Amino acid sequence: MFQEVGDHMGASSPFPVALNRPVTARSKWVRPKATPEDIQRLIDNLPWHVSSRIWVSQSTGCWLWAGADSGSGRGGEYGRVSIDGKTTAVHIYLYTRLFGPIKGKRKYLDHTCRARNCCNPEHLEQVTHRMNCARRDAAQRKLRRQLVSSTSLC
């Protein structure tokens, strides 16, 4: 795995898509699972400028991006990296390297850990825009309830 200091872990060789599971239009999407070997192959084949900027949180399992991000404000805080001269979101880059392209129209990657700077492909799930918004709103409601309950105890 990555070290907490973000040391160089990978070579520059291309990574073959490990899991490319076809999904028919009518079937329910099944979240792909990665084996430890798939994860290790992903890590070993990451470009240095990507692997050197990933730190692993021992408590959450998140791969926290320590490089450039998309800024603050609406839609901000997502890690960004330049791959072949094109800037892309780190979490999307790693997810597609491990599981293949995002399937279906209007599918988004939802951070199940709720950390925008996390790029661990196992913490990402393909969902519709509606589901992504519903999960975000539920997480915000939960946070507000926790804040209210903690301030009412004072």
N, C-alpha and C. Protein backbone atom coordinates (compact mmCIF):
# COMPACT_ATOMS: atom_id res chain seq x y z
N MET A 1 0.84 -1.19 0.00
CA MET A 1 0.00 0.00 0.00
C MET A 1 0.88 1.24 0.00
N PHE A 2 0.23 2.38 -0.09
CA PHE A 2 0.94 3.64 -0.02
C PHE A 2 1.44 3.85 1.39
N GLN A 3 2.55 4.53 1.51
CA GLN A 3 3.03 4.88 2.83
C GLN A 3 2.40 6.20 3.23
N GLU A 4 2.37 6.46 4.51
CA GLU A 4 1.73 7.68 4.99
C GLU A 4 2.42 8.93 4.50
N VAL A 5 3.70 8.84 4.19
CA VAL A 5 4.41 10.01 3.72
C VAL A 5 4.26 10.22 2.22
N GLY A 6 3.61 9.30 1.53
CA GLY A 6 3.36 9.47 0.10
C GLY A 6 4.58 9.19 -0.75
N ASP A 7 5.46 8.25 -0.33
CA ASP A 7 6.64 7.93 -1.12
C ASP A 7 6.26 7.37 -2.48
N HIS A 8 7.22 7.45 -3.41
CA HIS A 8 7.01 6.93 -4.76
C HIS A 8 6.78 5.42 -4.69
N MET A 9 5.67 4.96 -5.27
CA MET A 9 5.33 3.54 -5.21
C MET A 9 5.16 2.90 -6.57
N GLY A 10 5.16 3.66 -7.65
CA GLY A 10 4.78 3.03 -8.91
C GLY A 10 5.73 3.29 -10.04
N ALA A 11 5.57 2.50 -11.08
CA ALA A 11 6.31 2.67 -12.32
C ALA A 11 5.40 3.37 -13.31
N SER A 12 5.92 3.64 -14.48
CA SER A 12 5.12 4.37 -15.46
C SER A 12 4.50 3.44 -16.51
N SER A 13 4.48 2.14 -16.27
CA SER A 13 3.92 1.23 -17.27
C SER A 13 2.40 1.34 -17.28
N PRO A 14 1.77 1.07 -18.42
CA PRO A 14 0.31 1.18 -18.50
C PRO A 14 -0.35 0.10 -17.66
N PHE A 15 -1.50 0.43 -17.12
CA PHE A 15 -2.25 -0.49 -16.26
C PHE A 15 -3.42 -1.07 -17.03
N PRO A 16 -3.47 -2.40 -17.17
CA PRO A 16 -4.63 -2.99 -17.84
C PRO A 16 -5.84 -2.94 -16.94
N VAL A 17 -7.00 -2.72 -17.51
CA VAL A 17 -8.23 -2.66 -16.72
C VAL A 17 -8.43 -4.02 -16.06
N ALA A 18 -8.51 -4.01 -14.73
CA ALA A 18 -8.61 -5.25 -13.97
C ALA A 18 -10.01 -5.82 -13.99
N LEU A 19 -10.98 -4.99 -13.81
CA LEU A 19 -12.36 -5.46 -13.72
C LEU A 19 -13.20 -4.67 -14.72
N ASN A 20 -13.73 -5.35 -15.69
CA ASN A 20 -14.57 -4.69 -16.68
C ASN A 20 -15.82 -5.53 -16.83
N ARG A 21 -16.75 -5.31 -15.92
CA ARG A 21 -17.94 -6.14 -15.87
C ARG A 21 -19.08 -5.50 -16.65
N PRO A 22 -19.56 -6.19 -17.69
CA PRO A 22 -20.65 -5.61 -18.48
C PRO A 22 -21.95 -5.58 -17.68
N VAL A 23 -22.71 -4.54 -17.92
CA VAL A 23 -24.00 -4.39 -17.26
C VAL A 23 -25.02 -4.09 -18.34
N THR A 24 -26.09 -4.85 -18.38
CA THR A 24 -27.12 -4.58 -19.37
C THR A 24 -27.95 -3.40 -18.91
N ALA A 25 -28.66 -2.79 -19.85
CA ALA A 25 -29.44 -1.60 -19.54
C ALA A 25 -30.53 -1.87 -18.51
N ARG A 26 -31.08 -3.06 -18.50
CA ARG A 26 -32.18 -3.36 -17.60
C ARG A 26 -31.74 -3.97 -16.27
N SER A 27 -30.51 -4.42 -16.19
CA SER A 27 -30.07 -5.04 -14.94
C SER A 27 -29.68 -3.97 -13.92
N LYS A 28 -29.80 -4.33 -12.65
CA LYS A 28 -29.41 -3.41 -11.59
C LYS A 28 -27.89 -3.39 -11.53
N TRP A 29 -27.33 -2.21 -11.38
CA TRP A 29 -25.88 -2.09 -11.34
C TRP A 29 -25.36 -2.71 -10.06
N VAL A 30 -24.30 -3.50 -10.19
CA VAL A 30 -23.68 -4.15 -9.04
C VAL A 30 -22.32 -3.50 -8.82
N ARG A 31 -22.08 -3.09 -7.60
CA ARG A 31 -20.80 -2.44 -7.27
C ARG A 31 -19.66 -3.43 -7.46
N PRO A 32 -18.67 -3.09 -8.28
CA PRO A 32 -17.56 -4.02 -8.49
C PRO A 32 -16.71 -4.15 -7.24
N LYS A 33 -16.10 -5.28 -7.10
CA LYS A 33 -15.20 -5.54 -5.97
C LYS A 33 -13.80 -5.75 -6.52
N ALA A 34 -12.83 -5.22 -5.84
CA ALA A 34 -11.44 -5.38 -6.24
C ALA A 34 -10.75 -6.33 -5.27
N THR A 35 -9.95 -7.21 -5.82
CA THR A 35 -9.17 -8.10 -4.98
C THR A 35 -7.93 -7.34 -4.49
N PRO A 36 -7.29 -7.82 -3.44
CA PRO A 36 -6.05 -7.18 -3.01
C PRO A 36 -4.99 -7.14 -4.11
N GLU A 37 -4.99 -8.16 -4.97
CA GLU A 37 -4.04 -8.19 -6.09
C GLU A 37 -4.33 -7.08 -7.09
N ASP A 38 -5.63 -6.82 -7.34
CA ASP A 38 -6.00 -5.73 -8.25
C ASP A 38 -5.54 -4.39 -7.69
N ILE A 39 -5.75 -4.19 -6.40
CA ILE A 39 -5.35 -2.93 -5.75
C ILE A 39 -3.84 -2.77 -5.82
N GLN A 40 -3.10 -3.84 -5.53
CA GLN A 40 -1.64 -3.76 -5.56
C GLN A 40 -1.14 -3.47 -6.97
N ARG A 41 -1.76 -4.07 -7.98
CA ARG A 41 -1.37 -3.82 -9.37
C ARG A 41 -1.62 -2.36 -9.73
N LEU A 42 -2.75 -1.81 -9.26
CA LEU A 42 -3.04 -0.40 -9.50
C LEU A 42 -1.96 0.48 -8.88
N ILE A 43 -1.62 0.21 -7.63
CA ILE A 43 -0.62 1.00 -6.92
C ILE A 43 0.74 0.90 -7.60
N ASP A 44 1.12 -0.31 -7.97
CA ASP A 44 2.44 -0.52 -8.57
C ASP A 44 2.58 0.17 -9.93
N ASN A 45 1.49 0.42 -10.62
CA ASN A 45 1.56 0.97 -11.97
C ASN A 45 1.12 2.43 -12.07
N LEU A 46 0.99 3.11 -10.94
CA LEU A 46 0.64 4.52 -10.98
C LEU A 46 1.86 5.36 -11.35
N PRO A 47 1.66 6.43 -12.12
CA PRO A 47 2.77 7.34 -12.38
C PRO A 47 3.26 7.95 -11.06
N TRP A 48 4.54 8.28 -11.02
CA TRP A 48 5.13 8.80 -9.79
C TRP A 48 4.44 10.07 -9.32
N HIS A 49 4.07 10.96 -10.25
CA HIS A 49 3.47 12.23 -9.83
C HIS A 49 2.07 12.05 -9.25
N VAL A 50 1.50 10.85 -9.37
CA VAL A 50 0.22 10.54 -8.73
C VAL A 50 0.47 9.85 -7.39
N SER A 51 1.25 8.77 -7.41
CA SER A 51 1.45 7.98 -6.19
C SER A 51 2.18 8.76 -5.10
N SER A 52 3.01 9.72 -5.47
CA SER A 52 3.75 10.47 -4.45
C SER A 52 2.88 11.47 -3.71
N ARG A 53 1.66 11.70 -4.18
CA ARG A 53 0.78 12.68 -3.54
C ARG A 53 -0.41 12.04 -2.80
N ILE A 54 -0.35 10.73 -2.61
CA ILE A 54 -1.44 10.03 -1.92
C ILE A 54 -0.96 9.60 -0.54
N TRP A 55 -1.73 9.97 0.45
CA TRP A 55 -1.47 9.56 1.83
C TRP A 55 -2.62 8.69 2.29
N VAL A 56 -2.32 7.65 3.03
CA VAL A 56 -3.36 6.74 3.51
C VAL A 56 -3.70 7.05 4.95
N SER A 57 -4.99 7.25 5.22
CA SER A 57 -5.46 7.43 6.59
C SER A 57 -5.64 6.05 7.22
N GLN A 58 -4.92 5.78 8.26
CA GLN A 58 -5.00 4.48 8.92
C GLN A 58 -6.35 4.28 9.60
N SER A 59 -7.00 5.36 10.01
CA SER A 59 -8.26 5.23 10.74
C SER A 59 -9.45 5.03 9.81
N THR A 60 -9.44 5.64 8.62
CA THR A 60 -10.60 5.55 7.73
C THR A 60 -10.36 4.70 6.49
N GLY A 61 -9.10 4.47 6.14
CA GLY A 61 -8.79 3.75 4.90
C GLY A 61 -8.84 4.64 3.68
N CYS A 62 -9.09 5.93 3.87
CA CYS A 62 -9.13 6.86 2.74
C CYS A 62 -7.73 7.07 2.18
N TRP A 63 -7.64 7.19 0.85
CA TRP A 63 -6.41 7.60 0.19
C TRP A 63 -6.56 9.10 -0.03
N LEU A 64 -5.95 9.89 0.82
CA LEU A 64 -6.14 11.33 0.80
C LEU A 64 -5.16 11.98 -0.18
N TRP A 65 -5.71 12.78 -1.08
CA TRP A 65 -4.92 13.45 -2.11
C TRP A 65 -4.28 14.69 -1.50
N ALA A 66 -2.95 14.77 -1.61
CA ALA A 66 -2.20 15.90 -1.05
C ALA A 66 -1.67 16.82 -2.13
N GLY A 67 -2.15 16.67 -3.35
CA GLY A 67 -1.72 17.53 -4.45
C GLY A 67 -2.70 18.65 -4.70
N ALA A 68 -2.69 19.15 -5.93
CA ALA A 68 -3.57 20.25 -6.31
C ALA A 68 -5.03 19.81 -6.24
N ASP A 69 -5.91 20.78 -5.96
CA ASP A 69 -7.34 20.45 -5.96
C ASP A 69 -8.11 21.48 -6.77
N SER A 70 -9.41 21.29 -6.84
CA SER A 70 -10.25 22.14 -7.68
C SER A 70 -10.66 23.44 -7.00
N GLY A 71 -10.04 23.76 -5.89
CA GLY A 71 -10.31 25.03 -5.22
C GLY A 71 -11.41 24.92 -4.19
N SER A 72 -11.81 26.06 -3.66
CA SER A 72 -12.85 26.06 -2.64
C SER A 72 -14.17 26.47 -3.28
N GLY A 73 -15.22 26.38 -2.52
CA GLY A 73 -16.54 26.75 -3.03
C GLY A 73 -17.29 25.55 -3.57
N ARG A 74 -18.36 25.82 -4.28
CA ARG A 74 -19.22 24.76 -4.81
C ARG A 74 -18.43 23.88 -5.77
N GLY A 75 -18.44 22.58 -5.53
CA GLY A 75 -17.72 21.64 -6.39
C GLY A 75 -16.22 21.63 -6.17
N GLY A 76 -15.77 22.22 -5.10
CA GLY A 76 -14.34 22.31 -4.83
C GLY A 76 -13.82 21.16 -3.99
N GLU A 77 -12.54 21.19 -3.75
CA GLU A 77 -11.81 20.26 -2.89
C GLU A 77 -11.57 18.89 -3.50
N TYR A 78 -11.92 18.67 -4.75
CA TYR A 78 -11.62 17.40 -5.41
C TYR A 78 -10.20 17.46 -5.95
N GLY A 79 -9.43 16.39 -5.74
CA GLY A 79 -8.07 16.34 -6.22
C GLY A 79 -8.00 16.39 -7.73
N ARG A 80 -7.01 17.10 -8.27
CA ARG A 80 -6.83 17.23 -9.71
C ARG A 80 -5.40 16.84 -10.06
N VAL A 81 -5.24 16.21 -11.23
CA VAL A 81 -3.92 15.79 -11.69
C VAL A 81 -3.88 15.89 -13.21
N SER A 82 -2.69 16.14 -13.73
CA SER A 82 -2.50 16.20 -15.18
C SER A 82 -2.02 14.84 -15.67
N ILE A 83 -2.78 14.25 -16.58
CA ILE A 83 -2.44 12.96 -17.19
C ILE A 83 -2.39 13.17 -18.70
N ASP A 84 -1.25 12.93 -19.29
CA ASP A 84 -1.07 13.11 -20.73
C ASP A 84 -1.50 14.50 -21.19
N GLY A 85 -1.19 15.52 -20.39
CA GLY A 85 -1.49 16.89 -20.76
C GLY A 85 -2.92 17.34 -20.50
N LYS A 86 -3.75 16.46 -19.94
CA LYS A 86 -5.14 16.81 -19.63
C LYS A 86 -5.35 16.74 -18.13
N THR A 87 -6.02 17.75 -17.59
CA THR A 87 -6.31 17.77 -16.17
C THR A 87 -7.60 17.00 -15.90
N THR A 88 -7.54 16.12 -14.92
CA THR A 88 -8.69 15.30 -14.58
C THR A 88 -8.78 15.14 -13.06
N ALA A 89 -9.95 14.72 -12.59
CA ALA A 89 -10.13 14.46 -11.16
C ALA A 89 -9.42 13.15 -10.80
N VAL A 90 -8.66 13.18 -9.72
CA VAL A 90 -7.86 12.02 -9.32
C VAL A 90 -8.76 10.82 -9.02
N HIS A 91 -9.88 11.03 -8.33
CA HIS A 91 -10.73 9.90 -7.96
C HIS A 91 -11.32 9.22 -9.20
N ILE A 92 -11.65 10.00 -10.22
CA ILE A 92 -12.17 9.42 -11.45
C ILE A 92 -11.06 8.66 -12.19
N TYR A 93 -9.87 9.23 -12.23
CA TYR A 93 -8.73 8.59 -12.88
C TYR A 93 -8.44 7.23 -12.25
N LEU A 94 -8.36 7.17 -10.92
CA LEU A 94 -8.04 5.90 -10.25
C LEU A 94 -9.18 4.89 -10.39
N TYR A 95 -10.41 5.35 -10.30
CA TYR A 95 -11.55 4.44 -10.42
C TYR A 95 -11.57 3.78 -11.80
N THR A 96 -11.38 4.59 -12.85
CA THR A 96 -11.43 4.03 -14.20
C THR A 96 -10.21 3.16 -14.50
N ARG A 97 -9.07 3.42 -13.86
CA ARG A 97 -7.90 2.55 -14.03
C ARG A 97 -8.16 1.18 -13.41
N LEU A 98 -8.92 1.13 -12.33
CA LEU A 98 -9.16 -0.14 -11.65
C LEU A 98 -10.38 -0.87 -12.20
N PHE A 99 -11.50 -0.18 -12.37
CA PHE A 99 -12.75 -0.83 -12.73
C PHE A 99 -13.18 -0.64 -14.18
N GLY A 100 -12.48 0.19 -14.93
CA GLY A 100 -12.89 0.46 -16.30
C GLY A 100 -13.76 1.69 -16.37
N PRO A 101 -14.28 2.00 -17.56
CA PRO A 101 -15.05 3.23 -17.74
C PRO A 101 -16.33 3.24 -16.92
N ILE A 102 -16.79 4.44 -16.62
CA ILE A 102 -18.05 4.61 -15.89
C ILE A 102 -19.18 4.25 -16.84
N LYS A 103 -20.03 3.33 -16.43
CA LYS A 103 -21.08 2.80 -17.29
C LYS A 103 -22.34 3.65 -17.24
N GLY A 104 -23.01 3.76 -18.37
CA GLY A 104 -24.32 4.39 -18.41
C GLY A 104 -24.28 5.90 -18.53
N LYS A 105 -25.42 6.43 -18.93
CA LYS A 105 -25.55 7.88 -19.05
C LYS A 105 -25.81 8.48 -17.67
N ARG A 106 -25.29 9.67 -17.48
CA ARG A 106 -25.53 10.43 -16.26
C ARG A 106 -25.20 9.66 -14.99
N LYS A 107 -24.09 8.96 -14.99
CA LYS A 107 -23.61 8.29 -13.79
C LYS A 107 -22.50 9.11 -13.18
N TYR A 108 -22.49 9.15 -11.87
CA TYR A 108 -21.51 9.92 -11.13
C TYR A 108 -20.83 8.99 -10.13
N LEU A 109 -19.66 9.39 -9.66
CA LEU A 109 -18.98 8.63 -8.61
C LEU A 109 -19.27 9.31 -7.28
N ASP A 110 -19.86 8.56 -6.37
CA ASP A 110 -20.19 9.06 -5.05
C ASP A 110 -19.12 8.58 -4.07
N HIS A 111 -18.60 9.51 -3.27
CA HIS A 111 -17.64 9.16 -2.22
C HIS A 111 -18.44 8.60 -1.04
N THR A 112 -18.43 7.30 -0.85
CA THR A 112 -19.18 6.71 0.26
C THR A 112 -18.60 7.11 1.61
N CYS A 113 -17.34 7.52 1.62
CA CYS A 113 -16.70 7.97 2.87
C CYS A 113 -16.99 9.44 3.16
N ARG A 114 -17.61 10.15 2.22
CA ARG A 114 -17.98 11.56 2.29
C ARG A 114 -16.77 12.50 2.30
N ALA A 115 -15.57 12.02 1.97
CA ALA A 115 -14.38 12.88 1.93
C ALA A 115 -14.05 13.19 0.46
N ARG A 116 -14.16 14.45 0.09
CA ARG A 116 -13.95 14.83 -1.31
C ARG A 116 -12.52 14.60 -1.78
N ASN A 117 -11.55 14.70 -0.89
CA ASN A 117 -10.16 14.52 -1.31
C ASN A 117 -9.72 13.06 -1.24
N CYS A 118 -10.64 12.14 -0.96
CA CYS A 118 -10.33 10.70 -0.96
C CYS A 118 -10.35 10.21 -2.41
N CYS A 119 -9.34 9.43 -2.78
CA CYS A 119 -9.29 8.88 -4.13
C CYS A 119 -9.19 7.36 -4.11
N ASN A 120 -9.55 6.73 -3.00
CA ASN A 120 -9.56 5.27 -2.90
C ASN A 120 -10.72 4.74 -3.76
N PRO A 121 -10.43 3.96 -4.81
CA PRO A 121 -11.50 3.47 -5.68
C PRO A 121 -12.54 2.63 -4.95
N GLU A 122 -12.14 2.00 -3.85
CA GLU A 122 -13.09 1.19 -3.09
C GLU A 122 -14.05 2.04 -2.27
N HIS A 123 -13.79 3.33 -2.15
CA HIS A 123 -14.69 4.25 -1.45
C HIS A 123 -15.61 4.99 -2.42
N LEU A 124 -15.59 4.59 -3.68
CA LEU A 124 -16.40 5.24 -4.72
C LEU A 124 -17.45 4.28 -5.24
N GLU A 125 -18.60 4.83 -5.56
CA GLU A 125 -19.69 4.01 -6.10
C GLU A 125 -20.39 4.79 -7.21
N GLN A 126 -20.68 4.10 -8.32
CA GLN A 126 -21.41 4.73 -9.42
C GLN A 126 -22.87 4.88 -9.03
N VAL A 127 -23.37 6.10 -9.12
CA VAL A 127 -24.77 6.37 -8.80
C VAL A 127 -25.32 7.38 -9.80
N THR A 128 -26.62 7.52 -9.81
CA THR A 128 -27.24 8.56 -10.62
C THR A 128 -27.06 9.90 -9.94
N HIS A 129 -27.31 10.97 -10.67
CA HIS A 129 -27.21 12.31 -10.10
C HIS A 129 -28.19 12.46 -8.93
N ARG A 130 -29.39 11.93 -9.10
CA ARG A 130 -30.41 12.03 -8.05
C ARG A 130 -29.95 11.33 -6.77
N MET A 131 -29.39 10.14 -6.92
CA MET A 131 -28.92 9.39 -5.74
C MET A 131 -27.75 10.11 -5.09
N ASN A 132 -26.85 10.68 -5.89
CA ASN A 132 -25.71 11.40 -5.35
C ASN A 132 -26.18 12.60 -4.52
N CYS A 133 -27.16 13.35 -5.04
CA CYS A 133 -27.70 14.49 -4.31
C CYS A 133 -28.42 14.05 -3.03
N ALA A 134 -29.17 12.95 -3.11
CA ALA A 134 -29.90 12.45 -1.94
C ALA A 134 -28.92 12.04 -0.83
N ARG A 135 -27.83 11.38 -1.20
CA ARG A 135 -26.84 10.98 -0.20
C ARG A 135 -26.15 12.19 0.41
N ARG A 136 -25.84 13.18 -0.42
CA ARG A 136 -25.22 14.42 0.08
C ARG A 136 -26.15 15.09 1.08
N ASP A 137 -27.43 15.21 0.71
CA ASP A 137 -28.39 15.88 1.59
C ASP A 137 -28.57 15.11 2.91
N ALA A 138 -28.59 13.79 2.84
CA ALA A 138 -28.73 12.99 4.06
C ALA A 138 -27.52 13.17 4.97
N ALA A 139 -26.32 13.23 4.38
CA ALA A 139 -25.11 13.43 5.18
C ALA A 139 -25.12 14.82 5.83
N GLN A 140 -25.60 15.83 5.10
CA GLN A 140 -25.67 17.18 5.66
C GLN A 140 -26.69 17.26 6.79
N ARG A 141 -27.84 16.58 6.63
CA ARG A 141 -28.85 16.56 7.70
C ARG A 141 -28.29 15.89 8.96
N LYS A 142 -27.57 14.80 8.77
CA LYS A 142 -26.99 14.08 9.89
C LYS A 142 -25.98 14.97 10.63
N LEU A 143 -25.16 15.68 9.87
CA LEU A 143 -24.18 16.57 10.47
C LEU A 143 -24.86 17.70 11.24
N ARG A 144 -25.93 18.27 10.66
CA ARG A 144 -26.65 19.34 11.37
C ARG A 144 -27.27 18.83 12.67
N ARG A 145 -27.85 17.62 12.64
CA ARG A 145 -28.42 17.05 13.87
C ARG A 145 -27.35 16.86 14.94
N GLN A 146 -26.17 16.40 14.52
CA GLN A 146 -25.08 16.22 15.49
C GLN A 146 -24.64 17.55 16.08
N LEU A 147 -24.57 18.59 15.25
CA LEU A 147 -24.18 19.90 15.73
C LEU A 147 -25.20 20.46 16.70
N VAL A 148 -26.48 20.30 16.38
CA VAL A 148 -27.54 20.81 17.25
C VAL A 148 -27.53 20.07 18.58
N SER A 149 -27.38 18.75 18.56
CA SER A 149 -27.38 17.99 19.80
C SER A 149 -26.17 18.28 20.66
N SER A 150 -25.03 18.56 20.03
CA SER A 150 -23.84 18.87 20.82
C SER A 150 -23.90 20.28 21.41
N THR A 151 -24.55 21.22 20.73
CA THR A 151 -24.65 22.58 21.28
C THR A 151 -25.76 22.67 22.33
N SER A 152 -26.76 21.83 22.27
CA SER A 152 -27.85 21.89 23.24
C SER A 152 -27.44 21.31 24.60
N LEU A 153 -26.33 20.58 24.65
CA LEU A 153 -25.85 20.02 25.90
C LEU A 153 -25.10 21.03 26.74
N CYS A 154 -24.72 22.15 26.17
CA CYS A 154 -23.92 23.16 26.89
C CYS A 154 -24.73 23.91 27.92
